[in-house]
Amino acid sequence: MSKTLVAYFSASGTTARTAKNLADAIGGDLYEIKPAVKYTQADLNWMDKKSRSSVEMSDKSFRPELADKNADIASYDRIFIGFPIWWYVAPTIINTFLESYNFEGKGIILFATSGGSGFGKTVQELAPSCPGAVIKEGKVNPSREELKKWAEVFDR
């Protein structure tokens, strides 16, 4: 039986709720990916080209600093990673997280929350940040029931 981690970044609480539901559904451990500097509502204003999130997402090489690097990635075989979709991809803090640990040989399954877009090129943009890992696109905005059914697909 593999050990499962549900790691997530949530700027407004929506992805956190989904991550907690997923962890409950699959019996996985939960880990919050926290930025060193918390995002404010003004930071998240995608209509403002000078907002923090807009500036970060306009430069794909930008890596927001993490509040900690305490995830025990080595103890897990399977890692679900959740985040809100920003500009049709994962926020660059997800790249920071992936680049902070060794994911070689790990199975990574993505899940996301979004106001209307899908994963876009998320897998392609995250893959270079976790060399040697198998990364799969998962679900966007899954319900609690969908999470339970979806989790059954990924054998432990």
N, C-alpha and C. Protein backbone atom coordinates (compact mmCIF):
# COMPACT_ATOMS: atom_id res chain seq x y z
N MET A 1 0.85 -1.18 0.00
CA MET A 1 0.00 0.00 0.00
C MET A 1 0.89 1.24 0.00
N SER A 2 0.61 2.15 -0.92
CA SER A 2 1.43 3.36 -0.99
C SER A 2 0.94 4.40 0.01
N LYS A 3 1.82 5.27 0.39
CA LYS A 3 1.49 6.35 1.31
C LYS A 3 1.18 7.58 0.47
N THR A 4 0.10 8.28 0.80
CA THR A 4 -0.38 9.38 -0.02
C THR A 4 -0.35 10.71 0.73
N LEU A 5 0.11 11.73 0.02
CA LEU A 5 0.11 13.10 0.53
C LEU A 5 -0.78 13.95 -0.37
N VAL A 6 -1.56 14.81 0.25
CA VAL A 6 -2.33 15.82 -0.48
C VAL A 6 -1.73 17.16 -0.10
N ALA A 7 -0.96 17.73 -1.03
CA ALA A 7 -0.33 19.04 -0.82
C ALA A 7 -1.14 20.06 -1.61
N TYR A 8 -1.33 21.24 -1.05
CA TYR A 8 -2.14 22.23 -1.75
C TYR A 8 -1.68 23.65 -1.43
N PHE A 9 -1.94 24.52 -2.40
CA PHE A 9 -1.79 25.96 -2.20
C PHE A 9 -3.18 26.55 -2.39
N SER A 10 -3.60 27.37 -1.45
CA SER A 10 -4.91 27.99 -1.53
C SER A 10 -4.79 29.46 -1.16
N ALA A 11 -5.14 30.33 -2.07
CA ALA A 11 -5.05 31.76 -1.82
C ALA A 11 -6.29 32.30 -1.13
N SER A 12 -7.45 31.65 -1.37
CA SER A 12 -8.70 32.19 -0.82
C SER A 12 -9.48 31.20 0.03
N GLY A 13 -9.02 29.96 0.12
CA GLY A 13 -9.71 28.95 0.92
C GLY A 13 -10.45 27.91 0.09
N THR A 14 -10.72 28.19 -1.17
CA THR A 14 -11.46 27.27 -2.02
C THR A 14 -10.68 25.97 -2.25
N THR A 15 -9.42 26.09 -2.63
CA THR A 15 -8.60 24.90 -2.88
C THR A 15 -8.36 24.14 -1.58
N ALA A 16 -8.25 24.85 -0.46
CA ALA A 16 -8.05 24.19 0.84
C ALA A 16 -9.23 23.26 1.15
N ARG A 17 -10.45 23.71 0.89
CA ARG A 17 -11.63 22.86 1.14
C ARG A 17 -11.58 21.61 0.27
N THR A 18 -11.24 21.78 -1.00
CA THR A 18 -11.15 20.64 -1.91
C THR A 18 -10.07 19.68 -1.45
N ALA A 19 -8.92 20.20 -1.04
CA ALA A 19 -7.81 19.35 -0.58
C ALA A 19 -8.21 18.56 0.66
N LYS A 20 -8.89 19.19 1.59
CA LYS A 20 -9.32 18.49 2.81
C LYS A 20 -10.31 17.38 2.47
N ASN A 21 -11.23 17.66 1.54
CA ASN A 21 -12.18 16.64 1.11
C ASN A 21 -11.46 15.47 0.45
N LEU A 22 -10.46 15.76 -0.37
CA LEU A 22 -9.70 14.72 -1.04
C LEU A 22 -8.93 13.88 -0.01
N ALA A 23 -8.25 14.52 0.92
CA ALA A 23 -7.49 13.80 1.94
C ALA A 23 -8.42 12.88 2.75
N ASP A 24 -9.62 13.37 3.07
CA ASP A 24 -10.60 12.54 3.79
C ASP A 24 -11.03 11.36 2.92
N ALA A 25 -11.27 11.60 1.64
CA ALA A 25 -11.77 10.56 0.74
C ALA A 25 -10.76 9.45 0.51
N ILE A 26 -9.48 9.77 0.51
CA ILE A 26 -8.45 8.77 0.20
C ILE A 26 -7.60 8.36 1.40
N GLY A 27 -7.84 8.98 2.54
CA GLY A 27 -7.06 8.66 3.72
C GLY A 27 -5.63 9.15 3.62
N GLY A 28 -5.44 10.28 2.93
CA GLY A 28 -4.10 10.83 2.76
C GLY A 28 -3.76 11.88 3.81
N ASP A 29 -2.48 12.14 3.95
CA ASP A 29 -2.02 13.21 4.83
C ASP A 29 -2.15 14.54 4.10
N LEU A 30 -2.29 15.61 4.84
CA LEU A 30 -2.52 16.94 4.28
C LEU A 30 -1.32 17.84 4.56
N TYR A 31 -0.91 18.62 3.55
CA TYR A 31 0.20 19.58 3.72
C TYR A 31 -0.16 20.85 2.95
N GLU A 32 -0.12 21.98 3.64
CA GLU A 32 -0.41 23.26 2.98
C GLU A 32 0.88 23.90 2.48
N ILE A 33 0.89 24.23 1.21
CA ILE A 33 1.99 24.96 0.58
C ILE A 33 1.72 26.44 0.86
N LYS A 34 2.53 27.04 1.72
CA LYS A 34 2.29 28.43 2.15
C LYS A 34 3.36 29.35 1.59
N PRO A 35 2.94 30.50 1.07
CA PRO A 35 3.92 31.49 0.64
C PRO A 35 4.54 32.18 1.86
N ALA A 36 5.77 32.62 1.74
CA ALA A 36 6.42 33.35 2.83
C ALA A 36 5.63 34.61 3.16
N VAL A 37 5.07 35.23 2.14
CA VAL A 37 4.23 36.42 2.31
C VAL A 37 2.84 36.06 1.79
N LYS A 38 1.87 36.07 2.68
CA LYS A 38 0.49 35.71 2.33
C LYS A 38 -0.06 36.66 1.26
N TYR A 39 -0.88 36.13 0.38
CA TYR A 39 -1.52 36.94 -0.66
C TYR A 39 -2.72 37.67 -0.09
N THR A 40 -2.83 38.95 -0.41
CA THR A 40 -3.99 39.75 -0.01
C THR A 40 -5.00 39.76 -1.16
N GLN A 41 -6.17 40.27 -0.91
CA GLN A 41 -7.18 40.40 -1.98
C GLN A 41 -6.63 41.26 -3.11
N ALA A 42 -5.93 42.34 -2.76
CA ALA A 42 -5.35 43.22 -3.79
C ALA A 42 -4.30 42.46 -4.61
N ASP A 43 -3.53 41.60 -3.97
CA ASP A 43 -2.53 40.80 -4.67
C ASP A 43 -3.16 39.88 -5.70
N LEU A 44 -4.39 39.45 -5.45
CA LEU A 44 -5.07 38.48 -6.30
C LEU A 44 -5.92 39.12 -7.39
N ASN A 45 -5.92 40.42 -7.48
CA ASN A 45 -6.74 41.13 -8.48
C ASN A 45 -6.15 40.95 -9.88
N TRP A 46 -6.66 39.96 -10.60
CA TRP A 46 -6.14 39.65 -11.94
C TRP A 46 -6.44 40.76 -12.95
N MET A 47 -7.34 41.66 -12.62
CA MET A 47 -7.68 42.78 -13.52
C MET A 47 -6.61 43.89 -13.43
N ASP A 48 -5.82 43.89 -12.36
CA ASP A 48 -4.77 44.88 -12.15
C ASP A 48 -3.44 44.28 -12.60
N LYS A 49 -2.91 44.77 -13.69
CA LYS A 49 -1.66 44.22 -14.25
C LYS A 49 -0.46 44.44 -13.32
N LYS A 50 -0.63 45.30 -12.30
CA LYS A 50 0.46 45.54 -11.35
C LYS A 50 0.27 44.77 -10.04
N SER A 51 -0.81 43.98 -9.95
CA SER A 51 -1.02 43.20 -8.73
C SER A 51 0.06 42.13 -8.63
N ARG A 52 0.29 41.67 -7.43
CA ARG A 52 1.35 40.67 -7.19
C ARG A 52 1.16 39.43 -8.05
N SER A 53 -0.05 38.89 -8.09
CA SER A 53 -0.27 37.67 -8.87
C SER A 53 -0.08 37.91 -10.37
N SER A 54 -0.49 39.06 -10.84
CA SER A 54 -0.30 39.39 -12.27
C SER A 54 1.18 39.51 -12.62
N VAL A 55 1.92 40.15 -11.76
CA VAL A 55 3.37 40.31 -11.98
C VAL A 55 4.06 38.95 -11.96
N GLU A 56 3.72 38.12 -10.97
CA GLU A 56 4.32 36.79 -10.87
C GLU A 56 4.00 35.93 -12.09
N MET A 57 2.77 35.96 -12.54
CA MET A 57 2.36 35.10 -13.64
C MET A 57 2.83 35.61 -15.00
N SER A 58 3.19 36.87 -15.08
CA SER A 58 3.71 37.39 -16.35
C SER A 58 5.17 37.01 -16.57
N ASP A 59 5.83 36.53 -15.52
CA ASP A 59 7.23 36.10 -15.61
C ASP A 59 7.30 34.65 -15.12
N LYS A 60 7.26 33.69 -16.05
CA LYS A 60 7.22 32.27 -15.70
C LYS A 60 8.45 31.79 -14.92
N SER A 61 9.51 32.59 -14.89
CA SER A 61 10.69 32.20 -14.13
C SER A 61 10.61 32.66 -12.67
N PHE A 62 9.61 33.45 -12.34
CA PHE A 62 9.46 33.96 -10.98
C PHE A 62 9.11 32.81 -10.03
N ARG A 63 9.74 32.77 -8.88
CA ARG A 63 9.48 31.73 -7.88
C ARG A 63 9.22 32.38 -6.53
N PRO A 64 7.93 32.50 -6.16
CA PRO A 64 7.61 33.04 -4.83
C PRO A 64 8.23 32.16 -3.74
N GLU A 65 8.71 32.79 -2.69
CA GLU A 65 9.35 32.08 -1.60
C GLU A 65 8.31 31.33 -0.77
N LEU A 66 8.68 30.14 -0.31
CA LEU A 66 7.81 29.35 0.56
C LEU A 66 8.01 29.75 2.02
N ALA A 67 6.95 29.63 2.82
CA ALA A 67 7.04 29.91 4.25
C ALA A 67 7.88 28.85 4.95
N ASP A 68 7.84 27.62 4.44
CA ASP A 68 8.65 26.54 5.03
C ASP A 68 8.91 25.49 3.96
N LYS A 69 9.83 24.62 4.27
CA LYS A 69 10.15 23.48 3.40
C LYS A 69 10.15 22.23 4.26
N ASN A 70 9.03 22.02 4.97
CA ASN A 70 8.92 20.94 5.94
C ASN A 70 8.17 19.72 5.44
N ALA A 71 7.77 19.69 4.18
CA ALA A 71 7.05 18.52 3.67
C ALA A 71 8.01 17.33 3.61
N ASP A 72 7.56 16.20 4.12
CA ASP A 72 8.38 15.00 4.14
C ASP A 72 8.10 14.19 2.87
N ILE A 73 8.46 14.74 1.73
CA ILE A 73 8.16 14.14 0.43
C ILE A 73 8.72 12.72 0.32
N ALA A 74 9.87 12.47 0.89
CA ALA A 74 10.51 11.15 0.79
C ALA A 74 9.64 10.03 1.36
N SER A 75 8.73 10.35 2.25
CA SER A 75 7.88 9.33 2.87
C SER A 75 6.66 8.94 2.05
N TYR A 76 6.47 9.58 0.92
CA TYR A 76 5.26 9.35 0.13
C TYR A 76 5.58 8.81 -1.26
N ASP A 77 4.69 7.92 -1.73
CA ASP A 77 4.81 7.36 -3.08
C ASP A 77 3.95 8.16 -4.06
N ARG A 78 2.82 8.60 -3.57
CA ARG A 78 1.82 9.26 -4.40
C ARG A 78 1.50 10.62 -3.77
N ILE A 79 1.55 11.65 -4.60
CA ILE A 79 1.33 13.00 -4.10
C ILE A 79 0.31 13.71 -5.00
N PHE A 80 -0.81 14.08 -4.39
CA PHE A 80 -1.78 14.91 -5.08
C PHE A 80 -1.38 16.35 -4.79
N ILE A 81 -1.35 17.19 -5.81
CA ILE A 81 -1.00 18.59 -5.62
C ILE A 81 -2.14 19.45 -6.17
N GLY A 82 -2.68 20.30 -5.30
CA GLY A 82 -3.81 21.14 -5.67
C GLY A 82 -3.48 22.61 -5.61
N PHE A 83 -4.19 23.37 -6.43
CA PHE A 83 -3.94 24.80 -6.55
C PHE A 83 -5.09 25.45 -7.33
N PRO A 84 -5.23 26.76 -7.20
CA PRO A 84 -6.17 27.48 -8.07
C PRO A 84 -5.51 27.67 -9.44
N ILE A 85 -6.30 27.69 -10.48
CA ILE A 85 -5.78 27.98 -11.81
C ILE A 85 -5.63 29.49 -11.93
N TRP A 86 -4.43 29.92 -12.28
CA TRP A 86 -4.16 31.34 -12.53
C TRP A 86 -3.65 31.45 -13.96
N TRP A 87 -4.31 32.26 -14.74
CA TRP A 87 -3.88 32.49 -16.12
C TRP A 87 -3.71 31.17 -16.87
N TYR A 88 -4.68 30.26 -16.68
CA TYR A 88 -4.76 28.97 -17.38
C TYR A 88 -3.69 27.97 -16.98
N VAL A 89 -2.94 28.20 -15.92
CA VAL A 89 -1.90 27.27 -15.44
C VAL A 89 -1.83 27.34 -13.91
N ALA A 90 -0.93 26.54 -13.35
CA ALA A 90 -0.70 26.59 -11.91
C ALA A 90 0.06 27.86 -11.54
N PRO A 91 -0.20 28.42 -10.36
CA PRO A 91 0.60 29.56 -9.89
C PRO A 91 2.07 29.15 -9.78
N THR A 92 2.97 30.09 -9.97
CA THR A 92 4.40 29.76 -9.96
C THR A 92 4.89 29.27 -8.59
N ILE A 93 4.11 29.48 -7.54
CA ILE A 93 4.50 28.92 -6.23
C ILE A 93 4.50 27.39 -6.28
N ILE A 94 3.74 26.81 -7.18
CA ILE A 94 3.75 25.35 -7.33
C ILE A 94 5.09 24.91 -7.91
N ASN A 95 5.64 25.69 -8.84
CA ASN A 95 7.00 25.40 -9.34
C ASN A 95 8.00 25.50 -8.20
N THR A 96 7.86 26.52 -7.35
CA THR A 96 8.76 26.68 -6.20
C THR A 96 8.71 25.43 -5.34
N PHE A 97 7.50 24.97 -5.04
CA PHE A 97 7.33 23.78 -4.21
C PHE A 97 7.99 22.57 -4.85
N LEU A 98 7.72 22.34 -6.12
CA LEU A 98 8.28 21.17 -6.81
C LEU A 98 9.81 21.23 -6.86
N GLU A 99 10.35 22.41 -7.05
CA GLU A 99 11.81 22.58 -7.16
C GLU A 99 12.51 22.52 -5.80
N SER A 100 11.74 22.54 -4.72
CA SER A 100 12.31 22.52 -3.36
C SER A 100 12.52 21.12 -2.82
N TYR A 101 12.05 20.11 -3.53
CA TYR A 101 12.12 18.73 -3.07
C TYR A 101 12.53 17.81 -4.22
N ASN A 102 12.88 16.57 -3.86
CA ASN A 102 13.20 15.56 -4.86
C ASN A 102 11.96 14.69 -5.09
N PHE A 103 11.38 14.79 -6.27
CA PHE A 103 10.19 14.03 -6.61
C PHE A 103 10.50 12.86 -7.54
N GLU A 104 11.76 12.56 -7.73
CA GLU A 104 12.13 11.48 -8.64
C GLU A 104 11.48 10.16 -8.21
N GLY A 105 10.82 9.50 -9.17
CA GLY A 105 10.15 8.24 -8.91
C GLY A 105 8.78 8.37 -8.25
N LYS A 106 8.34 9.57 -7.98
CA LYS A 106 7.05 9.80 -7.34
C LYS A 106 5.95 9.93 -8.39
N GLY A 107 4.74 9.56 -8.01
CA GLY A 107 3.56 9.80 -8.83
C GLY A 107 2.88 11.06 -8.35
N ILE A 108 2.71 12.02 -9.24
CA ILE A 108 2.07 13.29 -8.90
C ILE A 108 0.77 13.41 -9.69
N ILE A 109 -0.33 13.63 -8.99
CA ILE A 109 -1.63 13.81 -9.62
C ILE A 109 -2.11 15.21 -9.26
N LEU A 110 -2.41 15.99 -10.27
CA LEU A 110 -2.82 17.38 -10.05
C LEU A 110 -4.33 17.49 -9.89
N PHE A 111 -4.76 18.43 -9.06
CA PHE A 111 -6.17 18.83 -9.00
C PHE A 111 -6.19 20.34 -8.82
N ALA A 112 -7.27 20.95 -9.26
CA ALA A 112 -7.31 22.41 -9.25
C ALA A 112 -8.72 22.94 -9.03
N THR A 113 -8.76 24.19 -8.65
CA THR A 113 -10.02 24.92 -8.58
C THR A 113 -9.91 26.07 -9.56
N SER A 114 -11.03 26.40 -10.18
CA SER A 114 -11.01 27.44 -11.21
C SER A 114 -12.38 28.06 -11.36
N GLY A 115 -12.37 29.32 -11.73
CA GLY A 115 -13.61 30.02 -12.01
C GLY A 115 -14.17 29.69 -13.38
N GLY A 116 -13.42 29.00 -14.21
CA GLY A 116 -13.96 28.67 -15.52
C GLY A 116 -12.99 28.04 -16.50
N SER A 117 -11.72 28.04 -16.20
CA SER A 117 -10.77 27.47 -17.15
C SER A 117 -10.31 26.09 -16.70
N GLY A 118 -9.74 25.34 -17.64
CA GLY A 118 -9.21 24.02 -17.34
C GLY A 118 -7.73 24.10 -17.01
N PHE A 119 -7.04 22.97 -17.12
CA PHE A 119 -5.62 22.90 -16.80
C PHE A 119 -4.71 23.62 -17.80
N GLY A 120 -5.19 23.83 -19.03
CA GLY A 120 -4.33 24.46 -20.02
C GLY A 120 -3.04 23.67 -20.19
N LYS A 121 -1.90 24.34 -20.13
CA LYS A 121 -0.60 23.70 -20.30
C LYS A 121 0.11 23.46 -18.96
N THR A 122 -0.68 23.27 -17.92
CA THR A 122 -0.13 23.12 -16.58
C THR A 122 0.88 21.97 -16.47
N VAL A 123 0.53 20.80 -16.98
CA VAL A 123 1.43 19.66 -16.86
C VAL A 123 2.75 19.96 -17.55
N GLN A 124 2.69 20.51 -18.75
CA GLN A 124 3.91 20.84 -19.50
C GLN A 124 4.76 21.89 -18.77
N GLU A 125 4.12 22.84 -18.12
CA GLU A 125 4.86 23.89 -17.42
C GLU A 125 5.42 23.42 -16.08
N LEU A 126 4.80 22.42 -15.46
CA LEU A 126 5.29 21.93 -14.17
C LEU A 126 6.33 20.80 -14.32
N ALA A 127 6.24 20.03 -15.38
CA ALA A 127 7.12 18.87 -15.54
C ALA A 127 8.62 19.18 -15.38
N PRO A 128 9.15 20.28 -15.94
CA PRO A 128 10.58 20.56 -15.76
C PRO A 128 10.96 20.83 -14.29
N SER A 129 9.98 21.17 -13.46
CA SER A 129 10.25 21.46 -12.04
C SER A 129 10.33 20.21 -11.18
N CYS A 130 9.96 19.06 -11.74
CA CYS A 130 10.00 17.80 -10.96
C CYS A 130 10.54 16.67 -11.82
N PRO A 131 11.82 16.76 -12.23
CA PRO A 131 12.40 15.73 -13.10
C PRO A 131 12.35 14.35 -12.45
N GLY A 132 12.01 13.37 -13.27
CA GLY A 132 11.96 11.99 -12.79
C GLY A 132 10.64 11.59 -12.16
N ALA A 133 9.72 12.52 -12.03
CA ALA A 133 8.40 12.22 -11.48
C ALA A 133 7.44 11.92 -12.64
N VAL A 134 6.40 11.18 -12.35
CA VAL A 134 5.32 10.96 -13.31
C VAL A 134 4.20 11.89 -12.88
N ILE A 135 3.90 12.86 -13.72
CA ILE A 135 2.91 13.88 -13.37
C ILE A 135 1.69 13.72 -14.27
N LYS A 136 0.51 13.69 -13.64
CA LYS A 136 -0.74 13.47 -14.37
C LYS A 136 -1.74 14.58 -14.08
N GLU A 137 -2.46 14.95 -15.10
CA GLU A 137 -3.54 15.92 -14.95
C GLU A 137 -4.72 15.22 -14.29
N GLY A 138 -5.28 15.86 -13.30
CA GLY A 138 -6.41 15.28 -12.60
C GLY A 138 -7.70 16.00 -12.91
N LYS A 139 -8.35 16.50 -11.89
CA LYS A 139 -9.67 17.12 -12.02
C LYS A 139 -9.63 18.60 -11.65
N VAL A 140 -10.54 19.34 -12.26
CA VAL A 140 -10.76 20.74 -11.91
C VAL A 140 -12.14 20.84 -11.25
N ASN A 141 -12.20 21.49 -10.11
CA ASN A 141 -13.42 21.70 -9.34
C ASN A 141 -14.18 20.41 -9.03
N PRO A 142 -13.50 19.39 -8.54
CA PRO A 142 -14.21 18.14 -8.25
C PRO A 142 -15.10 18.26 -7.02
N SER A 143 -16.29 17.64 -7.10
CA SER A 143 -17.18 17.58 -5.93
C SER A 143 -16.67 16.52 -4.98
N ARG A 144 -17.22 16.47 -3.80
CA ARG A 144 -16.83 15.47 -2.81
C ARG A 144 -17.05 14.05 -3.36
N GLU A 145 -18.19 13.85 -4.02
CA GLU A 145 -18.52 12.54 -4.59
C GLU A 145 -17.54 12.19 -5.72
N GLU A 146 -17.22 13.18 -6.56
CA GLU A 146 -16.26 12.95 -7.65
C GLU A 146 -14.88 12.60 -7.08
N LEU A 147 -14.50 13.24 -5.99
CA LEU A 147 -13.21 12.95 -5.38
C LEU A 147 -13.12 11.49 -4.94
N LYS A 148 -14.19 11.00 -4.32
CA LYS A 148 -14.19 9.60 -3.86
C LYS A 148 -14.05 8.65 -5.05
N LYS A 149 -14.84 8.87 -6.10
CA LYS A 149 -14.78 8.02 -7.29
C LYS A 149 -13.42 8.13 -7.96
N TRP A 150 -12.94 9.34 -8.08
CA TRP A 150 -11.65 9.61 -8.75
C TRP A 150 -10.51 8.93 -8.01
N ALA A 151 -10.52 9.02 -6.70
CA ALA A 151 -9.44 8.45 -5.89
C ALA A 151 -9.37 6.94 -6.05
N GLU A 152 -10.50 6.28 -6.32
CA GLU A 152 -10.53 4.84 -6.51
C GLU A 152 -9.72 4.41 -7.73
N VAL A 153 -9.59 5.30 -8.71
CA VAL A 153 -8.84 5.00 -9.94
C VAL A 153 -7.36 4.82 -9.63
N PHE A 154 -6.87 5.55 -8.66
CA PHE A 154 -5.45 5.51 -8.31
C PHE A 154 -5.27 4.52 -7.17
N ASP A 155 -4.94 3.29 -7.52
CA ASP A 155 -4.74 2.23 -6.52
C ASP A 155 -3.68 2.66 -5.51
N ARG A 156 -3.84 2.21 -4.31
CA ARG A 156 -2.86 2.50 -3.27
C ARG A 156 -1.73 1.55 -3.33
